[in-house]
Structure formats: structure tokens, C-alpha cells
Amino acid sequence: MTFITKPKFHHPKLPTNRLGYTRRDYEGAVSTLCAGCGHDSISAAIIQACFELDLAPHRIAKLSGIGCSSKTPTYFLGASHGFNSVHGRMPSVLTGANLANRDLIYLGVSGDGDSASIGLGQFAHSIRRGVDMLYIVENNGVYGLTKGQFSATADKGSLSKRGAANHDEPIDLASMALLLGASFVARSFSGDKEQLVPLIQAAIRHKGAAFIDCISPCVAFNNHPGSTKSFDFVREHNEAVNRLDVMVDHAPIAAQYGPGELVEVTQHDGTVLRLRKLDADYDPRDRGAAISYLQQQAAKGEVVTGLLYVDPESADLHDALSTVATPLNSLDDAALVPGAKALDKVNASLR
């Protein structure tokens, strides 16, 4: 069974947001994933983030590929647009949808198998092109649907549930996103909702390619002492580079703090992401430093979480292509068929 309908009854006294929606309006079907799966925690964080941002569900398009992670859009935003693509091809479908209708908010959900193996090229090109989206990888280091084989993100030396060691070097998708030019890069942990929710909120409001690598332990195959993606390991080795909050549609709060404790990042729409630093030397606006820091901490066995990099002046694929602001399905005949003179002008420019 992969689908259980959730009762439609809403308690009349449920809190509502500014649009009049309750949290239940952002939910989906009952999850059929394993009890305790980290993916369900990510779904809950997405629901909370969208509810608190006062987003109309019908303005969101959620897309996924194949795998346990790609089943999760069924469990959140049931009233949103949705498309479940083939294995590894979610980024291409999302890119096409985004180019056709820029009025929607695009949320791509994938897994480490879906994005770091068969979909690695798709992932890379969607990031480097600057597609305006939030791309979340629910990263558990295994293929959960096919009984727990190592995925491409599994750390070298980590053990499977049966004790076999992984001999391959891991692919660090956060580092790749930084190298490929993503303008918002973060890593979080499904067991840290306090950190994950504001990261999702900031990424949704960011213009450009926003990527979140979310460690999400597989309770069936990868939550044991030999795993580096278990709940216990991540909690014990978590290196959070900042504490996060998002203020929506409010002016920044002025306050005096000691050197290195606070940095304010103003985003393209005027909202402010306020970061209380744990490391006085860490600057989330320095791409090169972020890449170096990830490598340094990985060598120590630490899992770096938080906002790793943000470009407040970012652009997206529509800016690069100078596309029209109107969704393609709303263009009239005059815009779609400009006439023979316009065609002659285009042809002449290509001679």
C-alpha cells in the first residue's frame, strides 16, 4: 500500500495563517514510509515552512524522481501541483516547467540515489543554469527501496547493516552545488527541525538555484553504529555554522552584538536572514571559504550544517534568457504569432 487518504475533517479552532489556511491545508496523504523515517520529518518541516510563509498551496509545484525520498511529495502539499518523473530526471522536468510558468514556486525533492548516481548530470546542469527553485536532497546514504546498498554519498569506511564496508569515495552534493554556482547552499539534519524550517523558508524566498542537502537517516538499513548517516552519528558530529531565523516582510531589528556573533544577509526581495554565528570566522557570503571549510571539517569527521553560502545579488535562468514574465499558457495569439515581418527579421539575423 502506497497511499492512505487522510481524513478531511478540520477542527474549527485550528490556527490559520494570513491567507486563512490551517496547517492541515498543507498536508498530504498519510505516510507509508517506515515509522521513524527521517524523510517524514523533512515533510513536516516543509509543511510548517509553507504554512508560516503564508503561501497559497496552488502556487507551489512539487516535483520528484524515484526512491523513498521521491515518494514524499504525496505526504505534503496535497493541494499543490505535482509531477513524479522517472529516475534521476526531476531536474529537467522542473526546468521545463519553470521556463513555461515562472509564476509558480518550484520545489524539487530527490534522494542521494536519484541525484548522485543516475541523475548526477541532471542535478549538475539545473544548478549551473541557475533554475529558480528549491532543490532538496533527502540524503540517507543507501538505496532504501532495494534493500540498503550503499549510495554514491555513503562515506568511505562506513558499514552497511550487515557489516560490509564501503570502499568508494563519497560524492558531497553540497560541495558540488557550491562549485557549480548555486546561489544558496545549505545542509541540515532531518532531526533538527529548529534549523531546517528557517533554511527551507529562506531557500523558497531566494531567487535562483537554492540547494539543501538534508541528512535523513534510513531507519531500516542505515541507522546503526557503523553508519555515518545515523541519528546518533549526526547528532554527535554536527558542526552548525550558524543559528537561523527568517523575518518575513519586516524591517531588520537593530541590535549591538560582539564581533563575529551576528551577520545579516539581505536577500533580493528585501527580507533579512539573521545569522548568529558559532564560528566568528565563518562568512556565508564567501563561496571559496565555504568549500574549504566543508573539506576541512569533513577531514575531521564533522557534518557541517547550516547556511553554507548565499549570494544576495543572485539571478536566475529567466534573467539569463530574457524570457517574458507572462506564463506561456497565458500568451495570446499576437504574442505567439508575431507575423511574417518578425520572422524575416529573425531569419536575417541568422544569415
Protein backbone atom coordinates (compact mmCIF):
# COMPACT_ATOMS: atom_id res chain seq x y z
CA MET A 1 0.00 0.00 0.00
CA THR A 2 1.47 3.36 -1.04
CA PHE A 3 -1.45 5.73 -0.45
CA ILE A 4 -3.71 6.28 2.56
CA THR A 5 -6.18 9.14 2.38
CA LYS A 6 -6.13 11.47 5.38
CA PRO A 7 -9.50 12.48 6.87
CA LYS A 8 -10.66 15.86 5.57
CA PHE A 9 -12.16 16.98 8.87
CA HIS A 10 -10.54 20.11 10.33
CA HIS A 11 -11.11 21.23 13.87
CA PRO A 12 -12.87 24.61 13.64
CA LYS A 13 -10.41 26.20 16.09
CA LEU A 14 -7.21 25.27 14.27
CA PRO A 15 -4.89 28.31 13.93
CA THR A 16 -4.83 29.92 10.50
CA ASN A 17 -2.22 31.98 8.66
CA ARG A 18 -2.79 35.32 6.92
CA LEU A 19 -4.42 33.58 3.94
CA GLY A 20 -6.87 31.71 6.15
CA TYR A 21 -5.23 28.30 5.69
CA THR A 22 -4.62 25.90 8.56
CA ARG A 23 -1.58 23.67 8.82
CA ARG A 24 -3.77 20.77 7.70
CA ASP A 25 -4.24 22.53 4.35
CA TYR A 26 -0.53 21.98 3.65
CA GLU A 27 -0.53 18.27 4.45
CA GLY A 28 -0.96 15.34 2.07
CA ALA A 29 -1.83 11.68 2.38
CA VAL A 30 -0.83 9.54 5.36
CA SER A 31 2.81 8.47 5.00
CA THR A 32 3.52 4.82 4.25
CA LEU A 33 7.28 5.15 4.86
CA CYS A 34 8.89 3.22 7.72
CA ALA A 35 7.95 4.51 11.17
CA GLY A 36 10.64 6.96 12.27
CA CYS A 37 11.95 7.66 8.75
CA GLY A 38 13.82 10.95 8.60
CA HIS A 39 12.04 11.78 5.35
CA ASP A 40 8.78 12.25 7.24
CA SER A 41 10.49 14.86 9.42
CA ILE A 42 11.52 16.76 6.28
CA SER A 43 7.92 16.62 5.02
CA ALA A 44 6.77 18.08 8.35
CA ALA A 45 9.37 20.86 8.05
CA ILE A 46 8.17 21.72 4.52
CA ILE A 47 4.56 21.85 5.76
CA GLN A 48 5.48 24.17 8.62
CA ALA A 49 7.65 26.39 6.41
CA CYS A 50 4.94 26.89 3.78
CA PHE A 51 2.24 27.48 6.42
CA GLU A 52 4.34 30.12 8.20
CA LEU A 53 5.27 31.83 4.90
CA ASP A 54 1.55 32.22 4.06
CA LEU A 55 1.98 30.53 0.68
CA ALA A 56 -1.11 29.54 -1.26
CA PRO A 57 -0.76 25.77 -1.93
CA HIS A 58 -1.89 26.14 -5.55
CA ARG A 59 1.09 28.45 -6.21
CA ILE A 60 3.58 25.65 -5.45
CA ALA A 61 4.77 22.98 -7.88
CA LYS A 62 6.46 19.93 -6.30
CA LEU A 63 8.47 17.54 -8.48
CA SER A 64 10.36 14.35 -7.72
CA GLY A 65 12.09 11.34 -9.27
CA ILE A 66 12.22 7.76 -7.96
CA GLY A 67 13.02 6.43 -4.49
CA CYS A 68 11.80 6.71 -0.92
CA SER A 69 12.53 10.45 -0.99
CA SER A 70 10.61 10.92 -4.21
CA LYS A 71 7.50 9.34 -2.64
CA THR A 72 7.36 12.08 -0.02
CA PRO A 73 5.59 14.79 -2.10
CA THR A 74 2.50 12.60 -1.68
CA TYR A 75 2.68 13.33 2.03
CA PHE A 76 2.79 17.14 1.90
CA LEU A 77 1.08 19.96 -0.04
CA GLY A 78 -1.77 17.80 -1.27
CA ALA A 79 -3.43 20.80 -2.95
CA SER A 80 -0.30 21.79 -4.92
CA HIS A 81 0.74 20.94 -8.46
CA GLY A 82 2.77 17.72 -8.55
CA PHE A 83 4.79 15.64 -11.00
CA ASN A 84 6.61 12.38 -10.27
CA SER A 85 9.20 11.91 -13.03
CA VAL A 86 11.39 8.95 -13.95
CA HIS A 87 14.58 8.06 -12.07
CA GLY A 88 17.04 10.98 -11.94
CA ARG A 89 15.12 13.19 -14.37
CA MET A 90 13.34 15.50 -11.96
CA PRO A 91 15.66 18.50 -12.63
CA SER A 92 14.93 18.52 -16.37
CA VAL A 93 11.17 18.33 -15.86
CA LEU A 94 11.38 21.10 -13.26
CA THR A 95 13.48 23.27 -15.59
CA GLY A 96 10.93 22.94 -18.38
CA ALA A 97 8.00 23.70 -16.07
CA ASN A 98 9.84 26.71 -14.64
CA LEU A 99 10.54 28.15 -18.08
CA ALA A 100 6.90 27.69 -19.08
CA ASN A 101 5.44 29.28 -15.95
CA ARG A 102 7.63 31.43 -13.73
CA ASP A 103 4.66 32.42 -11.54
CA LEU A 104 4.85 29.18 -9.55
CA ILE A 105 7.20 28.32 -6.68
CA TYR A 106 9.23 25.24 -7.62
CA LEU A 107 10.20 22.60 -5.07
CA GLY A 108 12.26 19.66 -6.29
CA VAL A 109 12.59 16.68 -3.93
CA SER A 110 15.16 13.98 -4.64
CA GLY A 111 17.38 11.46 -2.92
CA ASP A 112 21.07 10.59 -2.88
CA GLY A 113 20.47 7.70 -5.29
CA ASP A 114 18.22 9.77 -7.52
CA SER A 115 20.56 12.80 -7.67
CA ALA A 116 24.09 11.48 -7.02
CA SER A 117 24.00 8.48 -9.37
CA ILE A 118 21.66 8.21 -12.34
CA GLY A 119 20.62 11.87 -12.04
CA LEU A 120 24.04 13.39 -11.36
CA GLY A 121 24.23 15.16 -14.73
CA GLN A 122 20.66 16.39 -14.39
CA PHE A 123 21.45 17.77 -10.95
CA ALA A 124 24.62 19.49 -12.17
CA HIS A 125 23.05 21.26 -15.15
CA SER A 126 19.98 22.50 -13.28
CA ILE A 127 22.25 24.03 -10.62
CA ARG A 128 24.74 25.63 -13.02
CA ARG A 129 21.93 27.13 -15.10
CA GLY A 130 20.52 28.89 -12.07
CA VAL A 131 16.99 27.50 -12.26
CA ASP A 132 14.81 29.35 -9.75
CA MET A 133 13.93 26.51 -7.39
CA LEU A 134 14.46 24.88 -4.04
CA TYR A 135 16.21 21.54 -4.62
CA ILE A 136 16.15 19.28 -1.55
CA VAL A 137 18.10 16.03 -1.41
CA GLU A 138 16.94 13.69 1.34
CA ASN A 139 20.28 12.03 1.91
CA ASN A 140 20.47 8.69 3.75
CA GLY A 141 23.47 7.09 2.05
CA VAL A 142 21.61 3.96 0.93
CA TYR A 143 19.13 2.65 -1.62
CA GLY A 144 16.22 2.08 0.75
CA LEU A 145 13.80 0.68 -1.84
CA THR A 146 16.28 -2.00 -2.96
CA LYS A 147 17.39 -3.25 0.48
CA GLY A 148 20.17 -0.97 1.59
CA GLN A 149 23.04 -0.96 -0.92
CA PHE A 150 25.49 1.93 -0.49
CA SER A 151 24.63 5.04 -2.48
CA ALA A 152 27.18 7.42 -4.00
CA THR A 153 27.02 9.69 -0.93
CA ALA A 154 27.97 6.97 1.56
CA ASP A 155 31.20 7.84 3.36
CA LYS A 156 34.27 5.73 2.67
CA GLY A 157 34.75 3.25 5.51
CA SER A 158 31.14 3.35 6.69
CA LEU A 159 29.50 -0.01 7.31
CA SER A 160 26.28 -1.48 5.97
CA LYS A 161 23.72 -3.07 8.26
CA ARG A 162 25.33 -6.46 7.55
CA GLY A 163 28.83 -5.16 8.31
CA ALA A 164 30.23 -4.70 4.79
CA ALA A 165 32.49 -1.67 4.41
CA ASN A 166 32.15 0.98 1.69
CA HIS A 167 35.44 1.33 -0.25
CA ASP A 168 34.40 4.18 -2.58
CA GLU A 169 34.94 7.90 -2.10
CA PRO A 170 31.67 9.78 -1.42
CA ILE A 171 30.10 12.46 -3.56
CA ASP A 172 29.48 15.60 -1.50
CA LEU A 173 26.47 17.22 -3.16
CA ALA A 174 26.75 20.41 -1.11
CA SER A 175 30.33 20.93 -2.30
CA MET A 176 29.25 20.17 -5.86
CA ALA A 177 26.45 22.72 -5.64
CA LEU A 178 28.95 25.33 -4.48
CA LEU A 179 31.34 24.53 -7.34
CA LEU A 180 28.51 24.58 -9.88
CA GLY A 181 27.40 28.08 -8.92
CA ALA A 182 24.34 27.58 -6.72
CA SER A 183 23.47 30.91 -5.12
CA PHE A 184 22.07 29.35 -1.92
CA VAL A 185 23.63 26.22 -0.41
CA ALA A 186 22.78 24.68 2.95
CA ARG A 187 22.99 21.40 4.78
CA SER A 188 20.73 20.27 7.58
CA PHE A 189 19.61 17.23 9.53
CA SER A 190 16.09 15.81 9.49
CA GLY A 191 16.27 15.54 13.29
CA ASP A 192 16.89 19.30 13.69
CA LYS A 193 13.60 20.96 12.81
CA GLU A 194 14.62 24.21 14.50
CA GLN A 195 17.39 24.62 11.93
CA LEU A 196 15.68 23.03 8.92
CA VAL A 197 12.44 25.06 8.86
CA PRO A 198 14.08 28.52 8.53
CA LEU A 199 16.51 27.13 5.95
CA ILE A 200 13.57 25.93 3.83
CA GLN A 201 11.80 29.27 4.27
CA ALA A 202 14.87 31.26 3.23
CA ALA A 203 15.53 28.95 0.26
CA ILE A 204 11.94 29.26 -1.00
CA ARG A 205 12.19 33.06 -0.95
CA HIS A 206 15.63 33.09 -2.58
CA LYS A 207 15.86 33.92 -6.29
CA GLY A 208 17.99 31.39 -8.16
CA ALA A 209 19.22 27.86 -7.58
CA ALA A 210 18.80 27.05 -3.87
CA PHE A 211 20.06 23.67 -2.69
CA ILE A 212 19.64 21.91 0.67
CA ASP A 213 21.44 18.64 1.40
CA CYS A 214 19.45 17.13 4.28
CA ILE A 215 20.92 14.14 6.13
CA SER A 216 17.94 11.85 6.69
CA PRO A 217 18.74 8.50 8.37
CA CYS A 218 17.17 5.34 6.95
CA VAL A 219 15.77 3.55 10.00
CA ALA A 220 15.57 0.22 8.15
CA PHE A 221 19.08 -0.03 6.66
CA ASN A 222 21.34 2.82 7.79
CA ASN A 223 20.70 3.70 11.44
CA HIS A 224 23.28 1.52 13.16
CA PRO A 225 26.66 2.14 14.89
CA GLY A 226 28.71 1.65 11.69
CA SER A 227 26.81 4.27 9.69
CA THR A 228 27.92 7.88 9.32
CA LYS A 229 24.36 8.92 8.42
CA SER A 230 22.60 7.55 11.50
CA PHE A 231 20.71 9.70 14.00
CA ASP A 232 23.35 9.17 16.71
CA PHE A 233 26.36 9.85 14.45
CA VAL A 234 24.99 13.10 13.02
CA ARG A 235 23.97 14.38 16.46
CA GLU A 236 27.43 13.60 17.86
CA HIS A 237 29.37 15.06 14.90
CA ASN A 238 27.20 18.01 13.93
CA GLU A 239 29.10 21.29 13.38
CA ALA A 240 26.48 24.03 13.00
CA VAL A 241 27.99 27.15 11.44
CA ASN A 242 25.10 29.46 12.36
CA ARG A 243 21.79 29.76 14.15
CA LEU A 244 19.00 30.74 11.82
CA ASP A 245 15.81 32.72 11.71
CA VAL A 246 13.82 34.31 8.89
CA MET A 247 11.93 37.58 9.22
CA VAL A 248 9.32 37.97 6.52
CA ASP A 249 8.04 41.42 5.47
CA HIS A 250 9.57 43.22 8.44
CA ALA A 251 12.41 45.68 8.78
CA PRO A 252 15.63 44.29 10.28
CA ILE A 253 15.99 44.64 14.03
CA ALA A 254 18.96 46.75 15.05
CA ALA A 255 20.97 45.46 17.99
CA GLN A 256 24.51 45.54 19.35
CA TYR A 257 26.46 42.29 19.48
CA GLY A 258 30.05 41.32 19.90
CA PRO A 259 32.36 40.90 16.86
CA GLY A 260 31.62 37.80 14.83
CA GLU A 261 28.42 36.87 16.64
CA LEU A 262 25.87 38.17 14.15
CA VAL A 263 25.68 38.74 10.39
CA GLU A 264 22.66 39.97 8.45
CA VAL A 265 22.15 38.86 4.83
CA THR A 266 19.63 40.93 2.87
CA GLN A 267 18.00 38.88 0.12
CA HIS A 268 16.79 40.09 -3.27
CA ASP A 269 13.22 40.68 -2.07
CA GLY A 270 14.25 42.74 0.93
CA THR A 271 13.79 40.03 3.56
CA VAL A 272 16.62 39.56 6.02
CA LEU A 273 18.20 36.30 7.12
CA ARG A 274 19.74 36.88 10.56
CA LEU A 275 22.60 34.53 11.45
CA ARG A 276 24.07 34.20 14.89
CA LYS A 277 27.49 32.70 14.23
CA LEU A 278 29.06 29.97 16.25
CA ASP A 279 32.33 30.47 14.39
CA ALA A 280 33.45 34.11 14.27
CA ASP A 281 35.50 33.47 11.10
CA TYR A 282 32.69 31.90 9.05
CA ASP A 283 31.14 34.14 6.38
CA PRO A 284 28.22 32.58 4.38
CA ARG A 285 28.83 35.08 1.55
CA ASP A 286 32.27 33.64 0.67
CA ARG A 287 31.92 30.73 -1.76
CA GLY A 288 35.59 29.73 -1.72
CA ALA A 289 35.77 29.78 2.06
CA ALA A 290 32.63 27.63 2.25
CA ILE A 291 34.16 24.97 0.01
CA SER A 292 37.38 24.97 2.03
CA TYR A 293 35.51 24.81 5.34
CA LEU A 294 33.45 21.80 4.22
CA GLN A 295 36.61 19.92 3.26
CA GLN A 296 38.42 20.81 6.49
CA GLN A 297 35.56 19.69 8.71
CA ALA A 298 34.92 16.53 6.67
CA ALA A 299 38.55 15.54 7.26
CA LYS A 300 37.78 15.77 11.00
CA GLY A 301 34.70 13.58 10.62
CA GLU A 302 32.33 16.50 11.24
CA VAL A 303 28.98 17.03 9.48
CA VAL A 304 28.70 20.77 8.77
CA THR A 305 25.12 22.06 8.90
CA GLY A 306 23.52 25.46 8.46
CA LEU A 307 23.61 28.09 5.74
CA LEU A 308 26.89 27.41 3.94
CA TYR A 309 26.63 30.04 1.22
CA VAL A 310 24.24 32.69 -0.06
CA ASP A 311 24.54 35.28 -2.83
CA PRO A 312 22.23 38.22 -2.01
CA GLU A 313 22.57 39.55 -5.58
CA SER A 314 21.69 36.31 -7.36
CA ALA A 315 19.94 35.96 -10.70
CA ASP A 316 18.15 33.03 -12.34
CA LEU A 317 17.70 31.30 -15.69
CA HIS A 318 14.93 33.68 -16.76
CA ASP A 319 17.32 36.62 -16.35
CA ALA A 320 19.93 34.86 -18.49
CA LEU A 321 17.46 34.04 -21.27
CA SER A 322 15.47 37.31 -21.08
CA THR A 323 12.20 35.39 -21.10
CA VAL A 324 8.79 37.03 -20.92
CA ALA A 325 7.23 37.43 -17.50
CA THR A 326 3.87 36.04 -18.66
CA PRO A 327 3.38 32.26 -18.36
CA LEU A 328 3.39 30.68 -21.82
CA ASN A 329 -0.17 29.36 -21.45
CA SER A 330 -1.37 32.94 -20.91
CA LEU A 331 0.16 34.44 -24.05
CA ASP A 332 -2.32 35.47 -26.71
CA ASP A 333 -2.11 34.95 -30.48
CA ALA A 334 -0.50 38.32 -31.06
CA ALA A 335 2.42 37.39 -28.83
CA LEU A 336 2.73 33.79 -30.05
CA VAL A 337 2.36 34.61 -33.78
CA PRO A 338 4.07 38.00 -34.30
CA GLY A 339 3.80 37.79 -38.09
CA ALA A 340 5.95 37.38 -41.19
CA LYS A 341 7.96 40.58 -40.67
CA ALA A 342 9.17 39.45 -37.25
CA LEU A 343 10.10 36.03 -38.67
CA ASP A 344 12.00 37.64 -41.54
CA LYS A 345 13.94 39.76 -39.05
CA VAL A 346 14.92 36.71 -37.03
CA ASN A 347 15.98 34.78 -40.13
CA ALA A 348 18.01 37.72 -41.39
CA SER A 349 19.89 37.91 -38.10
CA LEU A 350 20.96 34.28 -38.51
CA ARG A 351 22.39 34.61 -42.02
